[in-house]
C-alpha atoms as a PDB file:
ATOM      1  CA  UNK A   1       4.810  35.625 -21.269  1.00  0.00           C
ATOM      2  CA  UNK A   2       7.705  37.853 -22.292  1.00  0.00           C
ATOM      3  CA  UNK A   3      10.943  38.542 -20.606  1.00  0.00           C
ATOM      4  CA  UNK A   4      12.077  42.212 -19.568  1.00  0.00           C
ATOM      5  CA  UNK A   5      13.895  44.226 -17.393  1.00  0.00           C
ATOM      6  CA  UNK A   6      13.527  44.413 -13.596  1.00  0.00           C
ATOM      7  CA  UNK A   7      13.895  47.664 -13.761  1.00  0.00           C
ATOM      8  CA  UNK A   8      11.285  48.208 -16.103  1.00  0.00           C
ATOM      9  CA  UNK A   9       8.611  45.813 -14.725  1.00  0.00           C
ATOM     10  CA  UNK A  10       6.762  48.184 -12.652  1.00  0.00           C
ATOM     11  CA  UNK A  11       2.904  47.466 -13.273  1.00  0.00           C
ATOM     12  CA  UNK A  12       3.369  44.368 -15.021  1.00  0.00           C
ATOM     13  CA  UNK A  13       1.948  40.825 -14.019  1.00  0.00           C
ATOM     14  CA  UNK A  14       4.062  38.295 -12.858  1.00  0.00           C
ATOM     15  CA  UNK A  15       3.311  35.058 -14.450  1.00  0.00           C
ATOM     16  CA  UNK A  16       5.457  32.702 -11.966  1.00  0.00           C
ATOM     17  CA  UNK A  17       5.719  32.160  -8.343  1.00  0.00           C
ATOM     18  CA  UNK A  18       9.389  33.692  -7.509  1.00  0.00           C
ATOM     19  CA  UNK A  19      11.169  32.352  -4.324  1.00  0.00           C
ATOM     20  CA  UNK A  20      13.211  33.745  -2.423  1.00  0.00           C
ATOM     21  CA  UNK A  21      16.089  32.016  -0.370  1.00  0.00           C
ATOM     22  CA  UNK A  22      17.534  33.266   2.707  1.00  0.00           C
ATOM     23  CA  UNK A  23      19.755  30.025   3.976  1.00  0.00           C
ATOM     24  CA  UNK A  24      18.471  29.574   7.679  1.00  0.00           C
ATOM     25  CA  UNK A  25      15.850  31.976   7.507  1.00  0.00           C
ATOM     26  CA  UNK A  26      13.329  31.249   4.521  1.00  0.00           C
ATOM     27  CA  UNK A  27      12.475  29.359   1.271  1.00  0.00           C
ATOM     28  CA  UNK A  28       9.677  30.737  -0.272  1.00  0.00           C
ATOM     29  CA  UNK A  29       7.901  32.462  -2.702  1.00  0.00           C
ATOM     30  CA  UNK A  30       8.442  36.303  -1.924  1.00  0.00           C
ATOM     31  CA  UNK A  31       5.807  36.767  -5.223  1.00  0.00           C
ATOM     32  CA  UNK A  32       3.158  35.066  -6.491  1.00  0.00           C
ATOM     33  CA  UNK A  33       1.584  34.802  -9.738  1.00  0.00           C
ATOM     34  CA  UNK A  34      -0.309  37.699 -10.891  1.00  0.00           C
ATOM     35  CA  UNK A  35       1.497  40.111  -8.399  1.00  0.00           C
ATOM     36  CA  UNK A  36       1.432  43.439 -10.182  1.00  0.00           C
ATOM     37  CA  UNK A  37       5.215  44.857  -9.839  1.00  0.00           C
ATOM     38  CA  UNK A  38       5.753  47.717  -7.377  1.00  0.00           C
ATOM     39  CA  UNK A  39       8.645  50.444  -7.220  1.00  0.00           C
ATOM     40  CA  UNK A  40       9.054  48.753  -4.098  1.00  0.00           C
ATOM     41  CA  UNK A  41       9.557  45.286  -5.274  1.00  0.00           C
ATOM     42  CA  UNK A  42      12.163  46.102  -7.871  1.00  0.00           C
ATOM     43  CA  UNK A  43      15.467  46.115  -5.245  1.00  0.00           C
ATOM     44  CA  UNK A  44      14.041  42.938  -3.690  1.00  0.00           C
ATOM     45  CA  UNK A  45      13.777  41.524  -6.754  1.00  0.00           C
ATOM     46  CA  UNK A  46      17.546  42.538  -7.781  1.00  0.00           C
ATOM     47  CA  UNK A  47      18.680  41.411  -4.475  1.00  0.00           C
ATOM     48  CA  UNK A  48      17.068  38.014  -5.438  1.00  0.00           C
ATOM     49  CA  UNK A  49      19.470  37.757  -8.262  1.00  0.00           C
ATOM     50  CA  UNK A  50      16.240  38.868 -10.759  1.00  0.00           C
ATOM     51  CA  UNK A  51      18.325  41.022 -13.855  1.00  0.00           C
ATOM     52  CA  UNK A  52      15.187  40.118 -16.112  1.00  0.00           C
ATOM     53  CA  UNK A  53      11.764  38.354 -14.949  1.00  0.00           C
ATOM     54  CA  UNK A  54       8.912  37.049 -16.915  1.00  0.00           C
ATOM     55  CA  UNK A  55       5.609  38.941 -17.053  1.00  0.00           C
ATOM     56  CA  UNK A  56       2.084  37.668 -18.430  1.00  0.00           C
ATOM     57  CA  UNK A  57       1.804  38.053 -22.092  1.00  0.00           C
ATOM     58  CA  UNK A  58      -1.530  35.360 -23.051  1.00  0.00           C
ATOM     59  CA  UNK A  59      -1.121  33.019 -25.557  1.00  0.00           C
ATOM     60  CA  UNK A  60      -4.173  31.044 -26.109  1.00  0.00           C
ATOM     61  CA  UNK A  61      -2.000  27.993 -27.470  1.00  0.00           C
ATOM     62  CA  UNK A  62      -0.119  27.573 -24.388  1.00  0.00           C
ATOM     63  CA  UNK A  63      -0.850  26.764 -20.473  1.00  0.00           C
ATOM     64  CA  UNK A  64       0.872  28.273 -17.327  1.00  0.00           C
ATOM     65  CA  UNK A  65       2.882  26.098 -15.325  1.00  0.00           C
ATOM     66  CA  UNK A  66       0.081  26.460 -12.488  1.00  0.00           C
ATOM     67  CA  UNK A  67      -2.960  25.470 -15.273  1.00  0.00           C
ATOM     68  CA  UNK A  68      -1.240  22.147 -16.332  1.00  0.00           C
ATOM     69  CA  UNK A  69      -0.201  21.154 -12.822  1.00  0.00           C
ATOM     70  CA  UNK A  70      -3.867  21.175 -12.065  1.00  0.00           C
ATOM     71  CA  UNK A  71      -4.224  18.712 -14.912  1.00  0.00           C
ATOM     72  CA  UNK A  72      -1.876  16.675 -14.118  1.00  0.00           C
ATOM     73  CA  UNK A  73      -3.272  16.418 -10.758  1.00  0.00           C
ATOM     74  CA  UNK A  74      -6.310  15.728 -12.258  1.00  0.00           C
ATOM     75  CA  UNK A  75      -4.817  12.493 -13.456  1.00  0.00           C
ATOM     76  CA  UNK A  76      -3.742  11.550 -10.391  1.00  0.00           C
ATOM     77  CA  UNK A  77      -6.282  12.442  -7.918  1.00  0.00           C
ATOM     78  CA  UNK A  78      -8.320   9.623  -6.579  1.00  0.00           C
ATOM     79  CA  UNK A  79     -10.455   8.804  -3.386  1.00  0.00           C
ATOM     80  CA  UNK A  80      -8.717   8.718  -0.207  1.00  0.00           C
ATOM     81  CA  UNK A  81      -6.757  11.666  -1.481  1.00  0.00           C
ATOM     82  CA  UNK A  82      -6.218  15.612  -0.677  1.00  0.00           C
ATOM     83  CA  UNK A  83      -4.494  17.955  -2.919  1.00  0.00           C
ATOM     84  CA  UNK A  84      -2.503  20.980  -2.007  1.00  0.00           C
ATOM     85  CA  UNK A  85      -2.872  24.557  -3.429  1.00  0.00           C
ATOM     86  CA  UNK A  86      -0.984  25.202  -6.548  1.00  0.00           C
ATOM     87  CA  UNK A  87       2.382  26.569  -5.331  1.00  0.00           C
ATOM     88  CA  UNK A  88       5.503  27.463  -7.914  1.00  0.00           C
ATOM     89  CA  UNK A  89       4.037  25.208 -10.637  1.00  0.00           C
ATOM     90  CA  UNK A  90       3.559  22.338  -8.440  1.00  0.00           C
ATOM     91  CA  UNK A  91       0.582  19.938  -6.473  1.00  0.00           C
ATOM     92  CA  UNK A  92       1.080  17.503  -3.845  1.00  0.00           C
ATOM     93  CA  UNK A  93      -1.358  14.667  -2.978  1.00  0.00           C
ATOM     94  CA  UNK A  94      -1.587  13.330   0.395  1.00  0.00           C
ATOM     95  CA  UNK A  95      -3.359  10.517   1.584  1.00  0.00           C
ATOM     96  CA  UNK A  96      -6.462  10.860   3.885  1.00  0.00           C
ATOM     97  CA  UNK A  97      -7.032   7.329   5.351  1.00  0.00           C
ATOM     98  CA  UNK A  98      -4.657   4.336   6.298  1.00  0.00           C
ATOM     99  CA  UNK A  99      -4.647   1.990   3.697  1.00  0.00           C
ATOM    100  CA  UNK A 100      -2.129   0.378   0.654  1.00  0.00           C
ATOM    101  CA  UNK A 101      -0.773   2.906  -2.125  1.00  0.00           C
ATOM    102  CA  UNK A 102      -1.266   1.399  -5.581  1.00  0.00           C
ATOM    103  CA  UNK A 103       0.159   2.840  -8.601  1.00  0.00           C
ATOM    104  CA  UNK A 104      -0.278   2.219 -12.428  1.00  0.00           C
ATOM    105  CA  UNK A 105       3.148   2.567 -12.974  1.00  0.00           C
ATOM    106  CA  UNK A 106       2.935   1.845 -16.839  1.00  0.00           C
ATOM    107  CA  UNK A 107       0.630   5.201 -16.993  1.00  0.00           C
ATOM    108  CA  UNK A 108       3.399   6.870 -14.906  1.00  0.00           C
ATOM    109  CA  UNK A 109       6.220   5.963 -17.009  1.00  0.00           C
ATOM    110  CA  UNK A 110       3.995   7.050 -19.850  1.00  0.00           C
ATOM    111  CA  UNK A 111       3.630  10.603 -18.635  1.00  0.00           C
ATOM    112  CA  UNK A 112       6.959  10.774 -17.239  1.00  0.00           C
ATOM    113  CA  UNK A 113       8.832  10.105 -20.938  1.00  0.00           C
ATOM    114  CA  UNK A 114       6.207  12.533 -21.981  1.00  0.00           C
ATOM    115  CA  UNK A 115       8.413  16.001 -22.710  1.00  0.00           C
ATOM    116  CA  UNK A 116       8.585  18.422 -20.126  1.00  0.00           C
ATOM    117  CA  UNK A 117       6.326  17.182 -17.484  1.00  0.00           C
ATOM    118  CA  UNK A 118       6.220  14.742 -14.300  1.00  0.00           C
ATOM    119  CA  UNK A 119       5.172  13.083 -11.466  1.00  0.00           C
ATOM    120  CA  UNK A 120       7.515  11.987  -8.345  1.00  0.00           C
ATOM    121  CA  UNK A 121       5.853   9.257  -6.481  1.00  0.00           C
ATOM    122  CA  UNK A 122       6.325   6.862  -3.215  1.00  0.00           C
ATOM    123  CA  UNK A 123       7.093   3.027  -4.349  1.00  0.00           C
ATOM    124  CA  UNK A 124       3.759   1.319  -5.356  1.00  0.00           C
ATOM    125  CA  UNK A 125       2.366  -1.185  -2.747  1.00  0.00           C
ATOM    126  CA  UNK A 126       3.578   1.459   0.054  1.00  0.00           C
ATOM    127  CA  UNK A 127       1.663   1.514   3.609  1.00  0.00           C
ATOM    128  CA  UNK A 128       0.091   5.120   3.832  1.00  0.00           C
ATOM    129  CA  UNK A 129      -1.501   6.665   6.923  1.00  0.00           C
ATOM    130  CA  UNK A 130      -3.332   9.993   6.671  1.00  0.00           C
ATOM    131  CA  UNK A 131      -1.593  12.592   6.015  1.00  0.00           C
ATOM    132  CA  UNK A 132       1.130  10.728   4.651  1.00  0.00           C
ATOM    133  CA  UNK A 133       2.753  12.622   1.121  1.00  0.00           C
ATOM    134  CA  UNK A 134       1.961  10.848  -2.096  1.00  0.00           C
ATOM    135  CA  UNK A 135       3.172  12.672  -4.984  1.00  0.00           C
ATOM    136  CA  UNK A 136       4.069  15.788  -6.510  1.00  0.00           C
ATOM    137  CA  UNK A 137       3.235  16.778  -9.995  1.00  0.00           C
ATOM    138  CA  UNK A 138       4.692  20.252 -12.291  1.00  0.00           C
ATOM    139  CA  UNK A 139       5.629  20.756 -15.731  1.00  0.00           C
ATOM    140  CA  UNK A 140       9.432  21.276 -16.605  1.00  0.00           C
ATOM    141  CA  UNK A 141       9.173  25.185 -17.912  1.00  0.00           C
ATOM    142  CA  UNK A 142       6.610  27.462 -17.304  1.00  0.00           C
ATOM    143  CA  UNK A 143       4.598  27.430 -19.842  1.00  0.00           C
ATOM    144  CA  UNK A 144       3.309  24.447 -22.236  1.00  0.00           C
ATOM    145  CA  UNK A 145       1.586  23.447 -25.405  1.00  0.00           C
ATOM    146  CA  UNK A 146      -2.135  22.434 -24.893  1.00  0.00           C
ATOM    147  CA  UNK A 147      -1.684  20.025 -27.069  1.00  0.00           C
ATOM    148  CA  UNK A 148       0.770  17.785 -24.905  1.00  0.00           C
ATOM    149  CA  UNK A 149      -1.703  18.405 -22.070  1.00  0.00           C
ATOM    150  CA  UNK A 150      -4.180  16.917 -24.221  1.00  0.00           C
ATOM    151  CA  UNK A 151      -2.224  13.856 -25.250  1.00  0.00           C
ATOM    152  CA  UNK A 152      -1.322  13.310 -21.522  1.00  0.00           C
ATOM    153  CA  UNK A 153      -5.234  13.218 -21.154  1.00  0.00           C
ATOM    154  CA  UNK A 154      -5.586  11.003 -23.863  1.00  0.00           C
ATOM    155  CA  UNK A 155      -2.800   8.615 -22.728  1.00  0.00           C
ATOM    156  CA  UNK A 156      -4.434   8.147 -19.197  1.00  0.00           C
ATOM    157  CA  UNK A 157      -7.974   7.942 -20.801  1.00  0.00           C
ATOM    158  CA  UNK A 158      -9.903   8.144 -17.879  1.00  0.00           C
ATOM    159  CA  UNK A 159      -7.735   6.154 -15.780  1.00  0.00           C
ATOM    160  CA  UNK A 160      -6.351   6.755 -12.438  1.00  0.00           C
ATOM    161  CA  UNK A 161      -2.569   6.692 -12.127  1.00  0.00           C
ATOM    162  CA  UNK A 162      -3.016   6.248  -8.330  1.00  0.00           C
ATOM    163  CA  UNK A 163      -5.236   4.433  -6.098  1.00  0.00           C
ATOM    164  CA  UNK A 164      -5.325   4.056  -1.922  1.00  0.00           C
ATOM    165  CA  UNK A 165      -7.011   0.426  -0.675  1.00  0.00           C
ATOM    166  CA  UNK A 166      -8.194   1.141   2.540  1.00  0.00           C
ATOM    167  CA  UNK A 167      -7.334  -2.143   5.085  1.00  0.00           C
ATOM    168  CA  UNK A 168     -10.183  -4.340   5.933  1.00  0.00           C
ATOM    169  CA  UNK A 169     -11.722  -4.834   9.226  1.00  0.00           C
ATOM    170  CA  UNK A 170     -10.434  -8.564   8.901  1.00  0.00           C
ATOM    171  CA  UNK A 171     -11.074 -11.357  11.131  1.00  0.00           C
ATOM    172  CA  UNK A 172      -8.074 -13.831  11.123  1.00  0.00           C
ATOM    173  CA  UNK A 173      -6.960 -16.891  12.619  1.00  0.00           C
ATOM    174  CA  UNK A 174      -3.815 -18.618  13.588  1.00  0.00           C
ATOM    175  CA  UNK A 175      -2.620 -22.050  13.488  1.00  0.00           C
ATOM    176  CA  UNK A 176       0.485 -22.979  15.041  1.00  0.00           C
ATOM    177  CA  UNK A 177       2.144 -26.133  14.069  1.00  0.00           C
ATOM    178  CA  UNK A 178       4.728 -28.196  15.717  1.00  0.00           C
ATOM    179  CA  UNK A 179       4.527 -31.131  18.254  1.00  0.00           C
ATOM    180  CA  UNK A 180       7.070 -29.083  20.685  1.00  0.00           C
ATOM    181  CA  UNK A 181       4.683 -26.534  21.131  1.00  0.00           C
ATOM    182  CA  UNK A 182       1.465 -29.168  21.496  1.00  0.00           C
ATOM    183  CA  UNK A 183       3.123 -31.197  24.045  1.00  0.00           C
ATOM    184  CA  UNK A 184       4.010 -28.133  25.863  1.00  0.00           C
ATOM    185  CA  UNK A 185       7.870 -28.727  25.439  1.00  0.00           C
ATOM    186  CA  UNK A 186       8.504 -25.052  24.310  1.00  0.00           C
ATOM    187  CA  UNK A 187       6.614 -22.032  24.737  1.00  0.00           C
ATOM    188  CA  UNK A 188       4.818 -20.634  21.511  1.00  0.00           C
ATOM    189  CA  UNK A 189       6.614 -17.632  20.362  1.00  0.00           C
ATOM    190  CA  UNK A 190       4.543 -16.647  17.277  1.00  0.00           C
ATOM    191  CA  UNK A 191       1.296 -16.320  18.159  1.00  0.00           C
ATOM    192  CA  UNK A 192       2.227 -12.726  20.007  1.00  0.00           C
ATOM    193  CA  UNK A 193       3.925 -11.849  17.064  1.00  0.00           C
ATOM    194  CA  UNK A 194       1.464 -12.396  14.780  1.00  0.00           C
ATOM    195  CA  UNK A 195      -1.034 -10.940  16.903  1.00  0.00           C
ATOM    196  CA  UNK A 196       0.933  -7.741  17.336  1.00  0.00           C
ATOM    197  CA  UNK A 197       1.709  -7.605  13.277  1.00  0.00           C
ATOM    198  CA  UNK A 198      -2.402  -8.267  12.462  1.00  0.00           C
ATOM    199  CA  UNK A 199      -3.289  -5.806  14.744  1.00  0.00           C
ATOM    200  CA  UNK A 200      -1.029  -3.047  13.207  1.00  0.00           C
ATOM    201  CA  UNK A 201      -3.539  -3.144  10.192  1.00  0.00           C
ATOM    202  CA  UNK A 202      -6.608  -3.234  12.452  1.00  0.00           C
ATOM    203  CA  UNK A 203      -7.463  -7.084  11.944  1.00  0.00           C
ATOM    204  CA  UNK A 204      -9.025  -9.027  14.874  1.00  0.00           C
ATOM    205  CA  UNK A 205      -7.431 -12.263  15.820  1.00  0.00           C
ATOM    206  CA  UNK A 206     -10.223 -14.817  16.049  1.00  0.00           C
ATOM    207  CA  UNK A 207      -8.148 -17.696  18.139  1.00  0.00           C
ATOM    208  CA  UNK A 208      -5.051 -19.643  17.777  1.00  0.00           C
ATOM    209  CA  UNK A 209      -4.723 -22.993  17.606  1.00  0.00           C
ATOM    210  CA  UNK A 210      -2.341 -25.228  18.091  1.00  0.00           C
ATOM    211  CA  UNK A 211      -1.449 -28.229  16.343  1.00  0.00           C
ATOM    212  CA  UNK A 212       1.181 -31.199  15.981  1.00  0.00           C
ATOM    213  CA  UNK A 213       3.049 -32.547  12.890  1.00  0.00           C
ATOM    214  CA  UNK A 214      -0.192 -34.723  11.768  1.00  0.00           C
ATOM    215  CA  UNK A 215      -0.963 -32.632   8.537  1.00  0.00           C
ATOM    216  CA  UNK A 216      -4.666 -33.513   8.748  1.00  0.00           C
ATOM    217  CA  UNK A 217      -5.047 -31.857  12.138  1.00  0.00           C
ATOM    218  CA  UNK A 218      -3.512 -28.705  10.814  1.00  0.00           C
ATOM    219  CA  UNK A 219      -5.601 -28.875   7.451  1.00  0.00           C
ATOM    220  CA  UNK A 220      -8.839 -29.225  10.043  1.00  0.00           C
ATOM    221  CA  UNK A 221      -7.995 -26.545  12.236  1.00  0.00           C
ATOM    222  CA  UNK A 222      -7.729 -24.195   8.987  1.00  0.00           C
ATOM    223  CA  UNK A 223     -10.516 -25.357   7.821  1.00  0.00           C
ATOM    224  CA  UNK A 224     -12.554 -24.860  11.119  1.00  0.00           C
ATOM    225  CA  UNK A 225     -11.526 -21.324  11.292  1.00  0.00           C
ATOM    226  CA  UNK A 226     -12.952 -20.599   7.923  1.00  0.00           C
ATOM    227  CA  UNK A 227     -16.141 -22.147   8.665  1.00  0.00           C
ATOM    228  CA  UNK A 228     -16.339 -19.671  11.527  1.00  0.00           C
ATOM    229  CA  UNK A 229     -15.989 -16.832   9.284  1.00  0.00           C
ATOM    230  CA  UNK A 230     -11.721 -16.134   9.019  1.00  0.00           C
ATOM    231  CA  UNK A 231     -11.142 -13.611   6.854  1.00  0.00           C
ATOM    232  CA  UNK A 232      -7.502 -15.154   6.927  1.00  0.00           C
ATOM    233  CA  UNK A 233      -5.799 -17.870   8.171  1.00  0.00           C
ATOM    234  CA  UNK A 234      -1.966 -17.855   8.755  1.00  0.00           C
ATOM    235  CA  UNK A 235      -0.573 -20.934   9.554  1.00  0.00           C
ATOM    236  CA  UNK A 236       3.093 -20.668  11.252  1.00  0.00           C
ATOM    237  CA  UNK A 237       5.831 -23.437  11.640  1.00  0.00           C
ATOM    238  CA  UNK A 238       6.690 -26.636  10.008  1.00  0.00           C
ATOM    239  CA  UNK A 239       7.322 -24.749   6.548  1.00  0.00           C
ATOM    240  CA  UNK A 240      10.980 -26.321   5.825  1.00  0.00           C
ATOM    241  CA  UNK A 241      12.105 -29.116   3.893  1.00  0.00           C
ATOM    242  CA  UNK A 242      12.589 -31.571   6.836  1.00  0.00           C
ATOM    243  CA  UNK A 243      10.915 -34.750   6.710  1.00  0.00           C
ATOM    244  CA  UNK A 244       8.629 -33.627   9.821  1.00  0.00           C
ATOM    245  CA  UNK A 245       7.370 -30.188   8.435  1.00  0.00           C
ATOM    246  CA  UNK A 246       4.056 -31.030   7.006  1.00  0.00           C
ATOM    247  CA  UNK A 247       2.678 -27.781   6.866  1.00  0.00           C
ATOM    248  CA  UNK A 248       2.646 -26.971   3.010  1.00  0.00           C
ATOM    249  CA  UNK A 249       0.547 -30.728   2.346  1.00  0.00           C
ATOM    250  CA  UNK A 250      -1.848 -29.316   5.070  1.00  0.00           C
ATOM    251  CA  UNK A 251      -2.460 -26.496   3.540  1.00  0.00           C
ATOM    252  CA  UNK A 252      -2.768 -28.230  -0.137  1.00  0.00           C
ATOM    253  CA  UNK A 253      -5.290 -30.827   1.379  1.00  0.00           C
ATOM    254  CA  UNK A 254      -7.412 -27.919   1.922  1.00  0.00           C
ATOM    255  CA  UNK A 255      -8.218 -27.497  -1.430  1.00  0.00           C
ATOM    256  CA  UNK A 256      -6.753 -23.970  -1.487  1.00  0.00           C
ATOM    257  CA  UNK A 257      -5.033 -22.886  -4.814  1.00  0.00           C
ATOM    258  CA  UNK A 258      -1.592 -23.007  -4.289  1.00  0.00           C
ATOM    259  CA  UNK A 259       0.048 -19.172  -5.677  1.00  0.00           C
ATOM    260  CA  UNK A 260       3.574 -19.944  -4.746  1.00  0.00           C
ATOM    261  CA  UNK A 261       5.293 -22.243  -2.246  1.00  0.00           C
ATOM    262  CA  UNK A 262       8.421 -20.406  -1.742  1.00  0.00           C
ATOM    263  CA  UNK A 263       9.592 -16.784  -2.525  1.00  0.00           C
ATOM    264  CA  UNK A 264      12.515 -14.701  -3.862  1.00  0.00           C
ATOM    265  CA  UNK A 265      12.813 -12.526  -0.604  1.00  0.00           C
ATOM    266  CA  UNK A 266      15.580 -12.927   2.017  1.00  0.00           C
ATOM    267  CA  UNK A 267      14.303 -13.381   4.988  1.00  0.00           C
ATOM    268  CA  UNK A 268      11.279 -15.499   4.257  1.00  0.00           C
ATOM    269  CA  UNK A 269      12.573 -17.913   1.028  1.00  0.00           C
ATOM    270  CA  UNK A 270       9.965 -20.730   2.358  1.00  0.00           C
ATOM    271  CA  UNK A 271       6.881 -18.485   2.419  1.00  0.00           C
ATOM    272  CA  UNK A 272       3.473 -20.197   1.266  1.00  0.00           C
ATOM    273  CA  UNK A 273       0.439 -18.010  -0.144  1.00  0.00           C
ATOM    274  CA  UNK A 274      -2.644 -19.568  -1.032  1.00  0.00           C
ATOM    275  CA  UNK A 275      -6.552 -18.880  -1.745  1.00  0.00           C
ATOM    276  CA  UNK A 276      -9.344 -20.650  -0.313  1.00  0.00           C
ATOM    277  CA  UNK A 277     -12.654 -20.123  -2.157  1.00  0.00           C
ATOM    278  CA  UNK A 278     -15.927 -20.026  -0.112  1.00  0.00           C
ATOM    279  CA  UNK A 279     -19.166 -18.288  -0.917  1.00  0.00           C
ATOM    280  CA  UNK A 280     -17.471 -16.385  -4.301  1.00  0.00           C
ATOM    281  CA  UNK A 281     -14.938 -15.001  -1.859  1.00  0.00           C
ATOM    282  CA  UNK A 282     -10.763 -16.058  -1.903  1.00  0.00           C
ATOM    283  CA  UNK A 283      -9.784 -16.120   1.542  1.00  0.00           C
ATOM    284  CA  UNK A 284      -5.701 -16.165   1.713  1.00  0.00           C
ATOM    285  CA  UNK A 285      -4.417 -19.036   3.777  1.00  0.00           C
ATOM    286  CA  UNK A 286      -0.943 -18.334   4.153  1.00  0.00           C
ATOM    287  CA  UNK A 287       2.150 -20.491   5.868  1.00  0.00           C
ATOM    288  CA  UNK A 288       4.694 -18.631   7.123  1.00  0.00           C
ATOM    289  CA  UNK A 289       8.430 -19.464   7.785  1.00  0.00           C
ATOM    290  CA  UNK A 290      10.160 -19.651  10.885  1.00  0.00           C
ATOM    291  CA  UNK A 291      11.874 -16.227  10.433  1.00  0.00           C
ATOM    292  CA  UNK A 292       8.575 -14.411  10.909  1.00  0.00           C
ATOM    293  CA  UNK A 293       9.044 -15.117  14.295  1.00  0.00           C
ATOM    294  CA  UNK A 294      12.574 -13.761  15.134  1.00  0.00           C
ATOM    295  CA  UNK A 295      13.394 -11.138  12.000  1.00  0.00           C
ATOM    296  CA  UNK A 296      12.603  -7.818  12.727  1.00  0.00           C
ATOM    297  CA  UNK A 297      10.591  -7.574   9.011  1.00  0.00           C
ATOM    298  CA  UNK A 298      10.420 -10.655   6.714  1.00  0.00           C
ATOM    299  CA  UNK A 299       8.144 -10.941   3.335  1.00  0.00           C
ATOM    300  CA  UNK A 300       5.205 -11.151   5.511  1.00  0.00           C
ATOM    301  CA  UNK A 301       5.534  -7.486   6.464  1.00  0.00           C
ATOM    302  CA  UNK A 302       5.964  -6.713   3.055  1.00  0.00           C
ATOM    303  CA  UNK A 303       2.473  -8.887   1.948  1.00  0.00           C
ATOM    304  CA  UNK A 304       0.214  -8.160   4.976  1.00  0.00           C
ATOM    305  CA  UNK A 305      -0.478  -4.622   3.437  1.00  0.00           C
ATOM    306  CA  UNK A 306      -1.718  -6.332   0.551  1.00  0.00           C
ATOM    307  CA  UNK A 307      -3.751  -8.879   2.227  1.00  0.00           C
ATOM    308  CA  UNK A 308      -5.224  -6.311   4.751  1.00  0.00           C
ATOM    309  CA  UNK A 309      -6.786  -4.373   1.958  1.00  0.00           C
ATOM    310  CA  UNK A 310      -7.739  -7.137  -0.554  1.00  0.00           C
ATOM    311  CA  UNK A 311      -5.060  -6.568  -3.182  1.00  0.00           C
ATOM    312  CA  UNK A 312      -4.728 -10.158  -4.856  1.00  0.00           C
ATOM    313  CA  UNK A 313      -1.106 -11.429  -4.572  1.00  0.00           C
ATOM    314  CA  UNK A 314      -0.150 -13.592  -8.153  1.00  0.00           C
ATOM    315  CA  UNK A 315       2.669 -15.710  -8.570  1.00  0.00           C
ATOM    316  CA  UNK A 316       4.059 -12.771 -10.911  1.00  0.00           C
ATOM    317  CA  UNK A 317       3.999 -10.548  -7.996  1.00  0.00           C
ATOM    318  CA  UNK A 318       5.808 -12.930  -6.023  1.00  0.00           C
ATOM    319  CA  UNK A 319       8.394 -12.880  -8.817  1.00  0.00           C
ATOM    320  CA  UNK A 320       8.908  -9.830  -8.972  1.00  0.00           C
ATOM    321  CA  UNK A 321      10.258  -9.413  -5.195  1.00  0.00           C
ATOM    322  CA  UNK A 322      13.515 -10.883  -5.913  1.00  0.00           C
ATOM    323  CA  UNK A 323      14.426  -7.238  -7.495  1.00  0.00           C
ATOM    324  CA  UNK A 324      15.356  -5.923  -4.123  1.00  0.00           C
ATOM    325  CA  UNK A 325      14.289  -8.697  -1.976  1.00  0.00           C
ATOM    326  CA  UNK A 326      17.710  -8.678   0.110  1.00  0.00           C
ATOM    327  CA  UNK A 327      16.878  -7.632   3.338  1.00  0.00           C
ATOM    328  CA  UNK A 328      20.226  -5.789   4.684  1.00  0.00           C
ATOM    329  CA  UNK A 329      18.955  -5.478   8.580  1.00  0.00           C
ATOM    330  CA  UNK A 330      19.549  -1.552   8.383  1.00  0.00           C
ATOM    331  CA  UNK A 331      19.912  -0.063  11.486  1.00  0.00           C
ATOM    332  CA  UNK A 332      17.236   1.880  10.989  1.00  0.00           C
ATOM    333  CA  UNK A 333      14.593  -0.309   9.351  1.00  0.00           C
ATOM    334  CA  UNK A 334      11.775   1.679   7.106  1.00  0.00           C
ATOM    335  CA  UNK A 335      10.963  -1.302   5.313  1.00  0.00           C
ATOM    336  CA  UNK A 336       8.614  -1.791   3.377  1.00  0.00           C
ATOM    337  CA  UNK A 337       9.172   1.994   2.801  1.00  0.00           C
ATOM    338  CA  UNK A 338      12.669   1.869   1.841  1.00  0.00           C
ATOM    339  CA  UNK A 339      12.332   0.230  -1.279  1.00  0.00           C
ATOM    340  CA  UNK A 340      13.075  -3.245  -0.119  1.00  0.00           C
ATOM    341  CA  UNK A 341      11.562  -5.744  -2.204  1.00  0.00           C
ATOM    342  CA  UNK A 342       9.237  -3.336  -4.291  1.00  0.00           C
ATOM    343  CA  UNK A 343      10.054  -4.857  -7.866  1.00  0.00           C
ATOM    344  CA  UNK A 344      11.109  -2.244  -9.997  1.00  0.00           C
END
């Protein structure tokens, strides 16, 4: 490309989109890449503050911003995504399904550390809906050396930076513990909360079993749901360190692998996550602390989208939640989309 005076540009081909901003009226490309400048365009360009413009002068060693954006897009786009048209050197991706957004943050960081290119994204492990924007890609200058874009492709090595895991239609059993509920002294408040949260992600509640404080009864209730084909079992109540709270013991006695009892998140510190192996399938069995019943958002809301999309949660994943794991009870709560507990 070459820089020329706007008054001398008639007949020349623009090499990039040119945005016109009229406050309260428009902010859009007034002239598109490839537009041939006419005499009528000159006063418009001058009114946009363009005393000089760049016109196309082909160089085989360079990519135009639109060409480079296409390459960055290819490094990002995956199943269940749709892309925008390239506009002013930028391409955006959107989700086409309900699911969980996964990001290879290592690759993303490597691309963003390279000179003159960028990919801006949502947080990883974020629930997304059809039409939700995932990321935007572009280079910083108008043109970039081809070798730099080839280097970016080599860094990814055929891997995609973004993945969407659609939610699964899981069957879920609920086991509620506590002698006060079992004997009818108080009404169960856990069940309705869990049913509502599970249905938000397309889950089907198989049923709810209420047990007293005997761990063997709770263990049996969990295993009964698994035998009936449950894809996940949620166990509520009895998660504190009080002598009568035996839910962690009951879960352990099923033979499930305990990932963690306790997590660096408030509310939700007494959360327990385990996986039960059956027929080659790992079935989450989660112990839910009392805060899930009465707090608007807790660790359960952070992890439920991952459990519903068969995204394995590790001890390391839980440890990382401590960075940002303190909920501040915002007036307008968009957790987990607000970034709380994202572990960046």
